[in-house]
Amino acid sequence: MAERTLAQPKLATKAEVLELAGFVLKGGEHASELEREIAKKAQHNPEGVTAPELQALATKVLAGRK
């Protein structure tokens, strides 16, 4: 899911956006302040997150897998 969101952020569903945000906030990853702000914004308004913001969340999720 993160790979697809990184490649095509506009196609991410509301559920996928919420899942990415939840992972960044609860995943124990050392998210930056900006990444945490984007994730909080995504939880409150998933449709209001921009493509670059979604790509930032997806990048963080992928970085956490390595």
N, C-alpha and C. Protein backbone atom coordinates (compact mmCIF):
# COMPACT_ATOMS: atom_id res chain seq x y z
N MET A 1 0.83 -1.19 0.00
CA MET A 1 0.00 0.00 0.00
C MET A 1 0.87 1.26 0.00
N ALA A 2 1.91 1.27 0.82
CA ALA A 2 2.78 2.45 0.89
C ALA A 2 3.48 2.69 -0.44
N GLU A 3 3.88 1.59 -1.11
CA GLU A 3 4.54 1.74 -2.40
C GLU A 3 3.60 2.39 -3.42
N ARG A 4 2.35 1.94 -3.43
CA ARG A 4 1.37 2.49 -4.38
C ARG A 4 1.08 3.95 -4.05
N THR A 5 0.96 4.27 -2.77
CA THR A 5 0.70 5.65 -2.37
C THR A 5 1.86 6.56 -2.75
N LEU A 6 3.07 6.04 -2.61
CA LEU A 6 4.24 6.83 -2.99
C LEU A 6 4.23 7.12 -4.49
N ALA A 7 3.85 6.12 -5.29
CA ALA A 7 3.84 6.28 -6.74
C ALA A 7 2.64 7.07 -7.23
N GLN A 8 1.46 6.82 -6.62
CA GLN A 8 0.22 7.46 -7.07
C GLN A 8 -0.59 7.95 -5.87
N PRO A 9 -0.16 9.02 -5.24
CA PRO A 9 -0.82 9.46 -4.01
C PRO A 9 -2.29 9.85 -4.18
N LYS A 10 -2.67 10.31 -5.35
CA LYS A 10 -4.06 10.73 -5.57
C LYS A 10 -5.03 9.56 -5.56
N LEU A 11 -4.53 8.34 -5.71
CA LEU A 11 -5.40 7.17 -5.74
C LEU A 11 -5.60 6.53 -4.37
N ALA A 12 -4.96 7.07 -3.35
CA ALA A 12 -5.09 6.51 -2.00
C ALA A 12 -6.51 6.71 -1.48
N THR A 13 -7.06 5.67 -0.89
CA THR A 13 -8.40 5.76 -0.32
C THR A 13 -8.33 6.39 1.06
N LYS A 14 -9.48 6.77 1.57
CA LYS A 14 -9.56 7.34 2.92
C LYS A 14 -9.00 6.36 3.94
N ALA A 15 -9.35 5.08 3.81
CA ALA A 15 -8.87 4.06 4.75
C ALA A 15 -7.35 3.92 4.68
N GLU A 16 -6.79 4.00 3.48
CA GLU A 16 -5.33 3.89 3.33
C GLU A 16 -4.63 5.09 3.95
N VAL A 17 -5.19 6.27 3.77
CA VAL A 17 -4.61 7.47 4.37
C VAL A 17 -4.62 7.35 5.89
N LEU A 18 -5.73 6.88 6.44
CA LEU A 18 -5.83 6.70 7.89
C LEU A 18 -4.84 5.65 8.39
N GLU A 19 -4.65 4.59 7.63
CA GLU A 19 -3.71 3.54 8.03
C GLU A 19 -2.28 4.06 8.01
N LEU A 20 -1.91 4.81 6.99
CA LEU A 20 -0.57 5.40 6.93
C LEU A 20 -0.35 6.35 8.11
N ALA A 21 -1.34 7.18 8.39
CA ALA A 21 -1.22 8.13 9.49
C ALA A 21 -1.08 7.40 10.82
N GLY A 22 -1.87 6.37 11.01
CA GLY A 22 -1.80 5.59 12.24
C GLY A 22 -0.44 4.94 12.42
N PHE A 23 0.12 4.42 11.36
CA PHE A 23 1.44 3.80 11.45
C PHE A 23 2.50 4.81 11.86
N VAL A 24 2.45 5.98 11.25
CA VAL A 24 3.45 7.01 11.57
C VAL A 24 3.31 7.46 13.02
N LEU A 25 2.08 7.62 13.50
CA LEU A 25 1.87 8.09 14.87
C LEU A 25 2.10 7.02 15.93
N LYS A 26 1.73 5.78 15.63
CA LYS A 26 1.79 4.73 16.65
C LYS A 26 2.88 3.70 16.41
N GLY A 27 3.52 3.78 15.28
CA GLY A 27 4.46 2.74 14.90
C GLY A 27 5.77 2.72 15.64
N GLY A 28 5.99 3.65 16.53
CA GLY A 28 7.24 3.66 17.25
C GLY A 28 8.40 4.17 16.42
N GLU A 29 8.11 4.56 15.21
CA GLU A 29 9.16 5.11 14.35
C GLU A 29 9.48 6.52 14.84
N HIS A 30 10.68 6.92 14.60
CA HIS A 30 11.08 8.26 15.03
C HIS A 30 10.69 9.27 13.96
N ALA A 31 9.41 9.58 13.94
CA ALA A 31 8.89 10.53 12.96
C ALA A 31 9.30 11.95 13.35
N SER A 32 9.56 12.74 12.34
CA SER A 32 9.89 14.14 12.59
C SER A 32 8.63 14.89 13.01
N GLU A 33 8.82 16.08 13.48
CA GLU A 33 7.67 16.91 13.88
C GLU A 33 6.74 17.14 12.68
N LEU A 34 7.31 17.40 11.52
CA LEU A 34 6.51 17.61 10.31
C LEU A 34 5.71 16.36 9.96
N GLU A 35 6.34 15.20 10.04
CA GLU A 35 5.64 13.95 9.73
C GLU A 35 4.50 13.70 10.71
N ARG A 36 4.72 13.99 11.97
CA ARG A 36 3.65 13.84 12.97
C ARG A 36 2.50 14.81 12.70
N GLU A 37 2.82 16.04 12.31
CA GLU A 37 1.78 17.02 11.99
C GLU A 37 0.95 16.57 10.79
N ILE A 38 1.61 16.04 9.76
CA ILE A 38 0.90 15.55 8.58
C ILE A 38 0.00 14.38 8.98
N ALA A 39 0.51 13.47 9.79
CA ALA A 39 -0.27 12.31 10.22
C ALA A 39 -1.49 12.73 11.03
N LYS A 40 -1.32 13.70 11.92
CA LYS A 40 -2.46 14.19 12.70
C LYS A 40 -3.49 14.84 11.80
N LYS A 41 -3.02 15.64 10.84
CA LYS A 41 -3.92 16.27 9.87
C LYS A 41 -4.69 15.20 9.09
N ALA A 42 -3.99 14.15 8.70
CA ALA A 42 -4.62 13.07 7.93
C ALA A 42 -5.69 12.35 8.75
N GLN A 43 -5.47 12.20 10.04
CA GLN A 43 -6.47 11.54 10.88
C GLN A 43 -7.72 12.39 11.03
N HIS A 44 -7.55 13.69 11.09
CA HIS A 44 -8.69 14.59 11.27
C HIS A 44 -9.43 14.87 9.96
N ASN A 45 -8.69 14.89 8.85
CA ASN A 45 -9.30 15.21 7.55
C ASN A 45 -8.54 14.47 6.44
N PRO A 46 -8.81 13.17 6.26
CA PRO A 46 -8.06 12.40 5.26
C PRO A 46 -8.16 12.95 3.84
N GLU A 47 -9.29 13.55 3.50
CA GLU A 47 -9.45 14.09 2.15
C GLU A 47 -8.67 15.38 1.94
N GLY A 48 -8.26 16.03 3.02
CA GLY A 48 -7.56 17.30 2.92
C GLY A 48 -6.06 17.20 2.82
N VAL A 49 -5.53 15.99 2.81
CA VAL A 49 -4.09 15.80 2.74
C VAL A 49 -3.64 15.89 1.28
N THR A 50 -2.59 16.65 1.04
CA THR A 50 -2.10 16.84 -0.33
C THR A 50 -1.24 15.65 -0.77
N ALA A 51 -1.02 15.56 -2.07
CA ALA A 51 -0.20 14.48 -2.63
C ALA A 51 1.22 14.47 -2.03
N PRO A 52 1.91 15.61 -1.94
CA PRO A 52 3.25 15.58 -1.33
C PRO A 52 3.22 15.13 0.14
N GLU A 53 2.17 15.49 0.86
CA GLU A 53 2.06 15.05 2.25
C GLU A 53 1.86 13.54 2.33
N LEU A 54 1.03 13.00 1.44
CA LEU A 54 0.83 11.55 1.40
C LEU A 54 2.13 10.83 1.05
N GLN A 55 2.88 11.40 0.13
CA GLN A 55 4.15 10.80 -0.24
C GLN A 55 5.13 10.82 0.94
N ALA A 56 5.10 11.86 1.74
CA ALA A 56 5.96 11.93 2.91
C ALA A 56 5.60 10.83 3.91
N LEU A 57 4.30 10.61 4.13
CA LEU A 57 3.87 9.54 5.04
C LEU A 57 4.27 8.17 4.49
N ALA A 58 4.07 7.97 3.20
CA ALA A 58 4.42 6.68 2.59
C ALA A 58 5.92 6.43 2.68
N THR A 59 6.71 7.47 2.48
CA THR A 59 8.16 7.34 2.59
C THR A 59 8.56 6.93 4.00
N LYS A 60 7.91 7.52 4.99
CA LYS A 60 8.21 7.18 6.39
C LYS A 60 7.86 5.73 6.68
N VAL A 61 6.72 5.28 6.18
CA VAL A 61 6.31 3.89 6.39
C VAL A 61 7.32 2.94 5.74
N LEU A 62 7.73 3.24 4.53
CA LEU A 62 8.70 2.38 3.84
C LEU A 62 10.05 2.40 4.54
N ALA A 63 10.45 3.54 5.07
CA ALA A 63 11.72 3.63 5.79
C ALA A 63 11.67 2.80 7.07
N GLY A 64 10.51 2.70 7.68
CA GLY A 64 10.36 1.92 8.90
C GLY A 64 10.44 0.43 8.68
N ARG A 65 10.21 -0.01 7.47
CA ARG A 65 10.27 -1.44 7.14
C ARG A 65 11.69 -1.94 6.99
N LYS A 66 12.60 -1.06 6.68
CA LYS A 66 13.98 -1.47 6.38
C LYS A 66 14.78 -1.69 7.64
